[in-house]
Amino acid sequence: MNETRIDKWLWSVRIYKTRTLATEACHKGHISIDGTAIKAARMVKVGEIVEVRKNPITYRYKIIGLPASRVGAKVLDQYIEDQTPEQEIIKLDLMRADINGRRDPGSGRPTKRDRRLLDQWMDN
């Protein structure tokens, strides 16, 4: 197999959970090759660089192999190489670490004291 559809490849290497989600991402312009948005039926080959925009970051993957069907997470290294820039990974980590004004699930409503401390912290 020398080439396969981009939506099938995105699904088979576990970038998207379903092939329908991969197709929708292509239609919305979230998938690009060489800086050009592509359609779901675009055939991809080994060696191409695929950019996948999942807010807030853009992932870059190099196609190493073309699986015939969906593969397990343990063997993904045979099919893709992650080339996402370090600054994009840092951006994702910062977004996850942003706890400004958020409380842990199940911790209940803040008490008066908690609210005062939170207001004081926000003012500073």
Protein backbone atom coordinates (compact mmCIF):
# COMPACT_ATOMS: atom_id res chain seq x y z
CA MET A 1 0.00 0.00 0.00
CA ASN A 2 1.75 3.18 -1.22
CA GLU A 3 -0.87 5.74 -0.22
CA THR A 4 -4.09 6.11 1.76
CA ARG A 5 -6.73 8.75 2.44
CA ILE A 6 -5.78 11.35 5.05
CA ASP A 7 -8.97 10.84 7.09
CA LYS A 8 -8.35 7.10 7.28
CA TRP A 9 -4.72 7.65 8.25
CA LEU A 10 -5.64 10.15 11.00
CA TRP A 11 -8.09 7.64 12.44
CA SER A 12 -5.81 4.62 12.12
CA VAL A 13 -2.90 6.27 13.98
CA ARG A 14 -5.22 7.43 16.77
CA ILE A 15 -5.05 11.18 16.22
CA TYR A 16 -8.86 11.20 16.06
CA LYS A 17 -11.19 8.82 17.86
CA THR A 18 -13.44 8.21 14.84
CA ARG A 19 -13.01 8.53 11.11
CA THR A 20 -15.97 10.89 11.05
CA LEU A 21 -14.15 13.29 13.39
CA ALA A 22 -11.09 13.13 11.14
CA THR A 23 -13.23 13.90 8.09
CA GLU A 24 -14.87 16.86 9.85
CA ALA A 25 -11.47 18.23 10.85
CA CYS A 26 -10.41 18.12 7.20
CA HIS A 27 -13.57 19.92 6.09
CA LYS A 28 -13.04 22.62 8.73
CA GLY A 29 -9.48 23.23 7.55
CA HIS A 30 -7.77 21.90 10.68
CA ILE A 31 -5.57 19.50 8.69
CA SER A 32 -2.86 20.76 6.36
CA ILE A 33 0.08 19.44 4.39
CA ASP A 34 2.81 21.88 3.32
CA GLY A 35 0.73 24.76 4.72
CA THR A 36 -2.28 23.98 2.53
CA ALA A 37 -5.62 22.88 3.96
CA ILE A 38 -6.65 19.57 2.45
CA LYS A 39 -9.81 17.59 1.83
CA ALA A 40 -10.55 14.25 3.48
CA ALA A 41 -10.07 12.32 0.24
CA ARG A 42 -6.48 13.57 -0.25
CA MET A 43 -4.09 10.66 -0.59
CA VAL A 44 -1.00 10.79 1.65
CA LYS A 45 2.34 9.07 1.21
CA VAL A 46 5.20 8.09 3.47
CA GLY A 47 7.48 11.04 4.24
CA GLU A 48 4.86 13.80 4.19
CA ILE A 49 4.45 16.18 7.13
CA VAL A 50 0.87 16.57 8.41
CA GLU A 51 -0.14 19.52 10.60
CA VAL A 52 -3.16 18.98 12.85
CA ARG A 53 -4.67 22.01 14.57
CA LYS A 54 -6.37 21.11 17.84
CA ASN A 55 -6.86 24.28 19.82
CA PRO A 56 -4.79 25.73 21.36
CA ILE A 57 -1.84 24.08 19.59
CA THR A 58 -0.82 22.73 16.21
CA TYR A 59 0.70 19.24 16.13
CA ARG A 60 3.15 18.17 13.41
CA TYR A 61 3.49 14.52 12.43
CA LYS A 62 5.73 12.88 9.86
CA ILE A 63 4.23 9.85 8.14
CA ILE A 64 6.57 6.88 8.54
CA GLY A 65 4.17 4.11 7.59
CA LEU A 66 0.64 3.52 6.34
CA PRO A 67 -1.30 1.02 8.46
CA ALA A 68 -4.01 -1.08 6.81
CA SER A 69 -6.38 -0.52 9.73
CA ARG A 70 -6.44 1.09 13.17
CA VAL A 71 -3.34 0.20 15.21
CA GLY A 72 -2.68 -0.10 18.90
CA ALA A 73 -1.08 2.70 20.86
CA LYS A 74 2.03 0.62 21.54
CA VAL A 75 2.97 0.31 17.86
CA LEU A 76 2.37 3.93 16.81
CA ASP A 77 6.12 4.54 16.58
CA GLN A 78 6.17 2.42 13.42
CA TYR A 79 3.74 4.74 11.64
CA ILE A 80 4.20 8.33 12.88
CA GLU A 81 6.95 10.58 14.18
CA ASP A 82 5.88 13.49 16.37
CA GLN A 83 7.63 16.69 15.23
CA THR A 84 5.55 19.13 17.26
CA PRO A 85 7.67 22.17 18.20
CA GLU A 86 8.61 22.48 21.87
CA GLN A 87 6.91 25.88 22.23
CA GLU A 88 3.57 24.31 21.25
CA ILE A 89 3.96 21.67 23.98
CA ILE A 90 4.81 24.40 26.49
CA LYS A 91 1.69 26.31 25.43
CA LEU A 92 -0.43 23.22 26.15
CA ASP A 93 1.22 22.69 29.54
CA LEU A 94 0.59 26.33 30.48
CA MET A 95 -3.04 26.04 29.53
CA ARG A 96 -3.45 22.91 31.63
CA ALA A 97 -1.67 24.52 34.59
CA ASP A 98 -3.84 27.63 34.49
CA ILE A 99 -5.93 27.27 37.62
CA ASN A 100 -6.88 30.90 37.98
CA GLY A 101 -10.27 30.90 39.68
CA ARG A 102 -10.89 27.17 39.36
CA ARG A 103 -11.64 24.76 42.16
CA ASP A 104 -11.12 21.04 42.34
CA PRO A 105 -14.23 19.04 41.42
CA GLY A 106 -16.12 17.83 44.47
CA SER A 107 -14.61 20.41 46.83
CA GLY A 108 -17.95 22.16 47.28
CA ARG A 109 -18.72 25.84 47.44
CA PRO A 110 -16.11 28.20 48.84
CA THR A 111 -16.64 29.37 52.42
CA LYS A 112 -16.70 33.06 53.32
CA ARG A 113 -13.08 32.82 54.39
CA ASP A 114 -12.11 31.09 51.11
CA ARG A 115 -13.95 33.78 49.18
CA ARG A 116 -12.17 36.59 51.04
CA LEU A 117 -8.78 34.98 50.44
CA LEU A 118 -9.60 34.48 46.78
CA ASP A 119 -10.74 38.09 46.38
CA GLN A 120 -7.60 39.31 48.13
CA TRP A 121 -5.39 37.15 45.91
CA MET A 122 -7.18 38.34 42.74
CA ASP A 123 -6.76 42.02 43.74
CA ASN A 124 -3.01 41.57 44.12
